[in-house]
């Protein structure tokens, strides 16, 4: 079983699964509204040059949190990054190819 860490301990590029928030109710509700809910995947995107705050990505939203706040959020680290499934990569490639074909057909019809 993995040992839980605090969000502020994640290195840039590392991902964790959110387990708990130990914050005042107002702050906790605000963060939960933005996607910081149990079992959400949270990635450390980048840190300010002085090391604080850090930008985290959760549910498509990037948010900067100060170290003091991030220390109150428990995560289960899962590695450097979550790789998309091969099917997701194939679907994205198919959409891009389709978009290119539609554009070419539209231009040819002009």
N, C-alpha and C. Protein backbone atom coordinates (compact mmCIF):
# COMPACT_ATOMS: atom_id res chain seq x y z
N UNK A 1 0.84 -1.19 0.00
CA UNK A 1 0.00 0.00 0.00
C UNK A 1 0.88 1.25 0.00
N UNK A 2 0.52 2.20 -0.82
CA UNK A 2 1.29 3.44 -0.92
C UNK A 2 1.06 4.32 0.29
N UNK A 3 2.04 5.13 0.54
CA UNK A 3 1.94 6.08 1.64
C UNK A 3 1.46 7.43 1.09
N UNK A 4 0.44 7.99 1.71
CA UNK A 4 -0.08 9.28 1.27
C UNK A 4 0.95 10.38 1.51
N UNK A 5 0.92 11.36 0.62
CA UNK A 5 1.79 12.53 0.74
C UNK A 5 0.91 13.76 0.68
N UNK A 6 1.51 14.90 0.94
CA UNK A 6 0.77 16.15 0.78
C UNK A 6 1.03 16.69 -0.62
N UNK A 7 0.07 17.43 -1.13
CA UNK A 7 0.14 17.93 -2.51
C UNK A 7 1.40 18.75 -2.75
N UNK A 8 1.82 19.52 -1.77
CA UNK A 8 3.01 20.36 -1.95
C UNK A 8 4.29 19.56 -2.16
N UNK A 9 4.28 18.27 -1.83
CA UNK A 9 5.46 17.41 -2.02
C UNK A 9 5.60 16.88 -3.44
N UNK A 10 4.55 17.01 -4.27
CA UNK A 10 4.65 16.53 -5.64
C UNK A 10 5.66 17.38 -6.40
N UNK A 11 6.51 16.72 -7.16
CA UNK A 11 7.46 17.42 -8.04
C UNK A 11 6.72 17.85 -9.30
N UNK A 12 7.23 18.85 -9.98
CA UNK A 12 6.63 19.30 -11.24
C UNK A 12 6.61 18.12 -12.21
N UNK A 13 5.45 17.87 -12.81
CA UNK A 13 5.27 16.75 -13.72
C UNK A 13 4.72 15.52 -13.04
N UNK A 14 4.75 15.48 -11.73
CA UNK A 14 4.25 14.32 -10.99
C UNK A 14 2.74 14.45 -10.78
N UNK A 15 2.06 13.32 -10.77
CA UNK A 15 0.61 13.28 -10.62
C UNK A 15 0.25 12.52 -9.36
N UNK A 16 -0.83 12.93 -8.73
CA UNK A 16 -1.35 12.23 -7.56
C UNK A 16 -2.86 12.15 -7.63
N UNK A 17 -3.41 11.21 -6.89
CA UNK A 17 -4.86 11.07 -6.79
C UNK A 17 -5.27 11.68 -5.46
N UNK A 18 -6.14 12.66 -5.53
CA UNK A 18 -6.56 13.38 -4.33
C UNK A 18 -7.30 12.44 -3.38
N UNK A 19 -6.91 12.48 -2.10
CA UNK A 19 -7.53 11.62 -1.10
C UNK A 19 -8.32 12.40 -0.06
N UNK A 20 -7.80 13.55 0.39
CA UNK A 20 -8.50 14.30 1.45
C UNK A 20 -8.04 15.75 1.47
N UNK A 21 -8.96 16.62 1.90
CA UNK A 21 -8.65 18.03 2.11
C UNK A 21 -8.84 18.32 3.59
N UNK A 22 -7.84 18.89 4.20
CA UNK A 22 -7.91 19.24 5.61
C UNK A 22 -7.80 20.76 5.72
N UNK A 23 -8.87 21.43 5.29
CA UNK A 23 -8.88 22.90 5.19
C UNK A 23 -10.14 23.45 5.84
N UNK A 24 -10.16 24.75 6.13
CA UNK A 24 -11.40 25.36 6.64
C UNK A 24 -12.52 25.15 5.63
N UNK A 25 -13.77 25.01 6.10
CA UNK A 25 -14.89 24.71 5.20
C UNK A 25 -15.02 25.62 3.99
N UNK A 26 -14.82 26.92 4.15
CA UNK A 26 -14.95 27.84 3.02
C UNK A 26 -13.93 27.58 1.94
N UNK A 27 -12.68 27.37 2.33
CA UNK A 27 -11.60 27.09 1.38
C UNK A 27 -11.83 25.73 0.75
N UNK A 28 -12.19 24.75 1.56
CA UNK A 28 -12.42 23.39 1.07
C UNK A 28 -13.55 23.38 0.04
N UNK A 29 -14.65 24.05 0.32
CA UNK A 29 -15.77 24.10 -0.63
C UNK A 29 -15.37 24.78 -1.93
N UNK A 30 -14.60 25.86 -1.83
CA UNK A 30 -14.14 26.57 -3.02
C UNK A 30 -13.28 25.66 -3.90
N UNK A 31 -12.34 24.95 -3.29
CA UNK A 31 -11.47 24.05 -4.05
C UNK A 31 -12.26 22.87 -4.63
N UNK A 32 -13.20 22.35 -3.86
CA UNK A 32 -14.01 21.23 -4.36
C UNK A 32 -14.85 21.67 -5.55
N UNK A 33 -15.34 22.88 -5.52
CA UNK A 33 -16.11 23.42 -6.64
C UNK A 33 -15.26 23.47 -7.92
N UNK A 34 -13.95 23.66 -7.76
CA UNK A 34 -13.05 23.72 -8.91
C UNK A 34 -12.48 22.36 -9.30
N UNK A 35 -12.92 21.28 -8.65
CA UNK A 35 -12.51 19.96 -9.07
C UNK A 35 -11.63 19.21 -8.10
N UNK A 36 -11.24 19.83 -6.99
CA UNK A 36 -10.42 19.15 -5.99
C UNK A 36 -11.32 18.28 -5.12
N UNK A 37 -11.74 17.15 -5.69
CA UNK A 37 -12.62 16.21 -5.01
C UNK A 37 -11.91 14.87 -4.87
N UNK A 38 -12.34 14.05 -3.91
CA UNK A 38 -11.68 12.74 -3.74
C UNK A 38 -11.62 11.96 -5.05
N UNK A 39 -10.48 11.33 -5.27
CA UNK A 39 -10.17 10.49 -6.44
C UNK A 39 -9.91 11.28 -7.72
N UNK A 40 -9.84 12.60 -7.63
CA UNK A 40 -9.48 13.41 -8.81
C UNK A 40 -7.97 13.31 -9.04
N UNK A 41 -7.58 13.32 -10.28
CA UNK A 41 -6.17 13.30 -10.64
C UNK A 41 -5.65 14.73 -10.63
N UNK A 42 -4.57 14.98 -9.88
CA UNK A 42 -3.99 16.31 -9.75
C UNK A 42 -2.53 16.25 -10.19
N UNK A 43 -2.14 17.14 -11.08
CA UNK A 43 -0.76 17.16 -11.58
C UNK A 43 -0.11 18.49 -11.23
N UNK A 44 1.12 18.44 -10.75
CA UNK A 44 1.91 19.65 -10.52
C UNK A 44 2.45 20.10 -11.86
N UNK A 45 2.02 21.27 -12.32
CA UNK A 45 2.37 21.75 -13.66
C UNK A 45 3.65 22.56 -13.65
N UNK A 46 3.73 23.59 -12.80
CA UNK A 46 4.97 24.35 -12.67
C UNK A 46 4.96 25.16 -11.38
N UNK A 47 6.17 25.56 -10.98
CA UNK A 47 6.35 26.35 -9.76
C UNK A 47 6.88 27.72 -10.12
N UNK A 48 6.53 28.69 -9.29
CA UNK A 48 7.07 30.03 -9.44
C UNK A 48 8.58 29.97 -9.20
N UNK A 49 9.33 30.90 -9.76
CA UNK A 49 10.79 30.87 -9.60
C UNK A 49 11.25 30.77 -8.14
N UNK A 50 10.52 31.39 -7.23
CA UNK A 50 10.90 31.33 -5.82
C UNK A 50 10.38 30.06 -5.13
N UNK A 51 9.63 29.22 -5.88
CA UNK A 51 9.14 27.96 -5.33
C UNK A 51 7.74 28.02 -4.79
N UNK A 52 7.11 29.18 -4.76
CA UNK A 52 5.75 29.29 -4.22
C UNK A 52 5.08 30.47 -4.90
N UNK A 53 3.89 30.34 -5.49
CA UNK A 53 3.01 29.18 -5.46
C UNK A 53 3.37 28.16 -6.53
N UNK A 54 2.60 27.07 -6.56
CA UNK A 54 2.72 26.03 -7.57
C UNK A 54 1.40 25.96 -8.33
N UNK A 55 1.47 25.75 -9.63
CA UNK A 55 0.27 25.59 -10.45
C UNK A 55 -0.03 24.11 -10.56
N UNK A 56 -1.27 23.75 -10.27
CA UNK A 56 -1.73 22.36 -10.35
C UNK A 56 -2.84 22.29 -11.38
N UNK A 57 -2.92 21.16 -12.07
CA UNK A 57 -3.98 20.93 -13.04
C UNK A 57 -4.89 19.84 -12.50
N UNK A 58 -6.18 20.14 -12.47
CA UNK A 58 -7.18 19.16 -12.03
C UNK A 58 -8.43 19.36 -12.88
N UNK A 59 -8.90 18.30 -13.48
CA UNK A 59 -10.14 18.32 -14.26
C UNK A 59 -10.14 19.42 -15.32
N UNK A 60 -8.99 19.63 -15.98
CA UNK A 60 -8.89 20.60 -17.05
C UNK A 60 -8.72 22.04 -16.59
N UNK A 61 -8.64 22.26 -15.29
CA UNK A 61 -8.47 23.60 -14.75
C UNK A 61 -7.09 23.70 -14.12
N UNK A 62 -6.41 24.82 -14.37
CA UNK A 62 -5.13 25.06 -13.72
C UNK A 62 -5.35 26.09 -12.63
N UNK A 63 -4.81 25.80 -11.46
CA UNK A 63 -4.98 26.70 -10.32
C UNK A 63 -3.67 26.78 -9.56
N UNK A 64 -3.31 27.99 -9.15
CA UNK A 64 -2.10 28.20 -8.36
C UNK A 64 -2.48 28.14 -6.88
N UNK A 65 -1.75 27.31 -6.15
CA UNK A 65 -1.96 27.20 -4.71
C UNK A 65 -0.66 27.50 -3.98
N UNK A 66 -0.78 28.21 -2.90
CA UNK A 66 0.39 28.44 -2.05
C UNK A 66 0.73 27.15 -1.32
N UNK A 67 2.00 27.03 -0.98
CA UNK A 67 2.49 25.83 -0.30
C UNK A 67 1.68 25.55 0.96
N UNK A 68 1.34 26.59 1.71
CA UNK A 68 0.58 26.43 2.95
C UNK A 68 -0.75 25.72 2.71
N UNK A 69 -1.44 26.07 1.64
CA UNK A 69 -2.71 25.41 1.30
C UNK A 69 -2.46 24.00 0.80
N UNK A 70 -1.48 23.83 -0.08
CA UNK A 70 -1.19 22.52 -0.67
C UNK A 70 -0.74 21.50 0.38
N UNK A 71 -0.18 21.97 1.49
CA UNK A 71 0.22 21.06 2.57
C UNK A 71 -0.97 20.42 3.26
N UNK A 72 -2.15 20.99 3.08
CA UNK A 72 -3.35 20.48 3.73
C UNK A 72 -4.16 19.56 2.83
N UNK A 73 -3.60 19.21 1.69
CA UNK A 73 -4.29 18.34 0.73
C UNK A 73 -3.49 17.04 0.60
N UNK A 74 -4.12 15.91 0.91
CA UNK A 74 -3.47 14.60 0.87
C UNK A 74 -3.68 13.96 -0.49
N UNK A 75 -2.59 13.41 -1.05
CA UNK A 75 -2.65 12.73 -2.35
C UNK A 75 -1.92 11.39 -2.28
N UNK A 76 -2.30 10.51 -3.17
CA UNK A 76 -1.62 9.25 -3.37
C UNK A 76 -0.84 9.40 -4.67
N UNK A 77 0.49 9.55 -4.62
CA UNK A 77 1.26 9.76 -5.85
C UNK A 77 1.16 8.56 -6.80
N UNK A 78 1.06 8.84 -8.09
CA UNK A 78 0.93 7.77 -9.07
C UNK A 78 2.02 7.76 -10.12
N UNK A 79 3.01 8.63 -10.01
CA UNK A 79 4.10 8.60 -10.97
C UNK A 79 4.26 9.93 -11.66
N UNK A 80 5.19 9.98 -12.62
CA UNK A 80 5.50 11.25 -13.27
C UNK A 80 4.33 11.85 -14.03
N UNK A 81 3.54 11.03 -14.69
CA UNK A 81 2.38 11.54 -15.41
C UNK A 81 1.47 10.38 -15.78
N UNK A 82 0.21 10.69 -15.95
CA UNK A 82 -0.75 9.69 -16.41
C UNK A 82 -0.74 9.71 -17.93
N UNK A 83 -0.37 8.60 -18.53
CA UNK A 83 -0.34 8.51 -19.98
C UNK A 83 -1.74 8.21 -20.50
N UNK A 84 -2.13 8.85 -21.60
CA UNK A 84 -3.44 8.52 -22.17
C UNK A 84 -3.44 7.09 -22.69
N UNK A 85 -4.58 6.47 -22.63
CA UNK A 85 -4.73 5.10 -23.13
C UNK A 85 -4.53 5.09 -24.64
N UNK A 86 -4.01 3.98 -25.20
CA UNK A 86 -3.80 3.91 -26.65
C UNK A 86 -5.05 4.23 -27.46
N UNK A 87 -6.22 3.81 -26.98
CA UNK A 87 -7.47 4.10 -27.70
C UNK A 87 -7.72 5.60 -27.75
N UNK A 88 -7.41 6.30 -26.67
CA UNK A 88 -7.60 7.76 -26.63
C UNK A 88 -6.67 8.43 -27.63
N UNK A 89 -5.45 7.93 -27.76
CA UNK A 89 -4.50 8.49 -28.72
C UNK A 89 -5.01 8.25 -30.14
N UNK A 90 -5.50 7.04 -30.41
CA UNK A 90 -6.02 6.72 -31.74
C UNK A 90 -7.24 7.57 -32.06
N UNK A 91 -8.13 7.79 -31.09
CA UNK A 91 -9.31 8.62 -31.32
C UNK A 91 -8.91 10.06 -31.62
N UNK A 92 -7.93 10.59 -30.90
CA UNK A 92 -7.48 11.95 -31.14
C UNK A 92 -6.87 12.08 -32.53
N UNK A 93 -6.09 11.09 -32.94
CA UNK A 93 -5.49 11.10 -34.28
C UNK A 93 -6.56 11.03 -35.35
N UNK A 94 -7.58 10.20 -35.14
CA UNK A 94 -8.67 10.07 -36.11
C UNK A 94 -9.44 11.38 -36.24
N UNK A 95 -9.68 12.06 -35.12
CA UNK A 95 -10.39 13.34 -35.17
C UNK A 95 -9.57 14.37 -35.94
N UNK A 96 -8.26 14.40 -35.71
CA UNK A 96 -7.39 15.35 -36.39
C UNK A 96 -7.37 15.07 -37.89
N UNK A 97 -7.29 13.80 -38.27
CA UNK A 97 -7.30 13.41 -39.68
C UNK A 97 -8.62 13.81 -40.32
N UNK A 98 -9.75 13.55 -39.64
CA UNK A 98 -11.07 13.90 -40.15
C UNK A 98 -11.17 15.41 -40.34
N UNK A 99 -10.68 16.17 -39.37
CA UNK A 99 -10.73 17.62 -39.45
C UNK A 99 -9.96 18.09 -40.69
N UNK A 100 -8.80 17.48 -40.98
CA UNK A 100 -8.00 17.84 -42.15
C UNK A 100 -8.71 17.52 -43.45
N UNK A 101 -9.36 16.35 -43.50
CA UNK A 101 -10.07 15.96 -44.72
C UNK A 101 -11.25 16.89 -44.97
N UNK A 102 -12.00 17.23 -43.92
CA UNK A 102 -13.14 18.13 -44.07
C UNK A 102 -12.67 19.50 -44.56
N UNK A 103 -11.56 19.98 -44.04
CA UNK A 103 -11.02 21.26 -44.47
C UNK A 103 -10.63 21.21 -45.94
N UNK A 104 -9.97 20.13 -46.36
CA UNK A 104 -9.57 19.99 -47.76
C UNK A 104 -10.78 19.93 -48.67
N UNK A 105 -11.83 19.21 -48.27
CA UNK A 105 -13.05 19.11 -49.08
C UNK A 105 -13.73 20.46 -49.19
N UNK A 106 -13.76 21.20 -48.11
CA UNK A 106 -14.39 22.52 -48.12
C UNK A 106 -13.64 23.46 -49.06
N UNK A 107 -12.31 23.40 -49.04
CA UNK A 107 -11.52 24.25 -49.92
C UNK A 107 -11.68 23.83 -51.38
N UNK A 108 -11.78 22.54 -51.63
CA UNK A 108 -11.95 22.05 -53.00
C UNK A 108 -13.32 22.44 -53.56
N UNK A 109 -14.32 22.57 -52.69
CA UNK A 109 -15.66 22.92 -53.14
C UNK A 109 -15.80 24.39 -53.50
N UNK A 110 -14.84 25.20 -53.09
CA UNK A 110 -14.92 26.65 -53.37
C UNK A 110 -14.61 26.96 -54.79
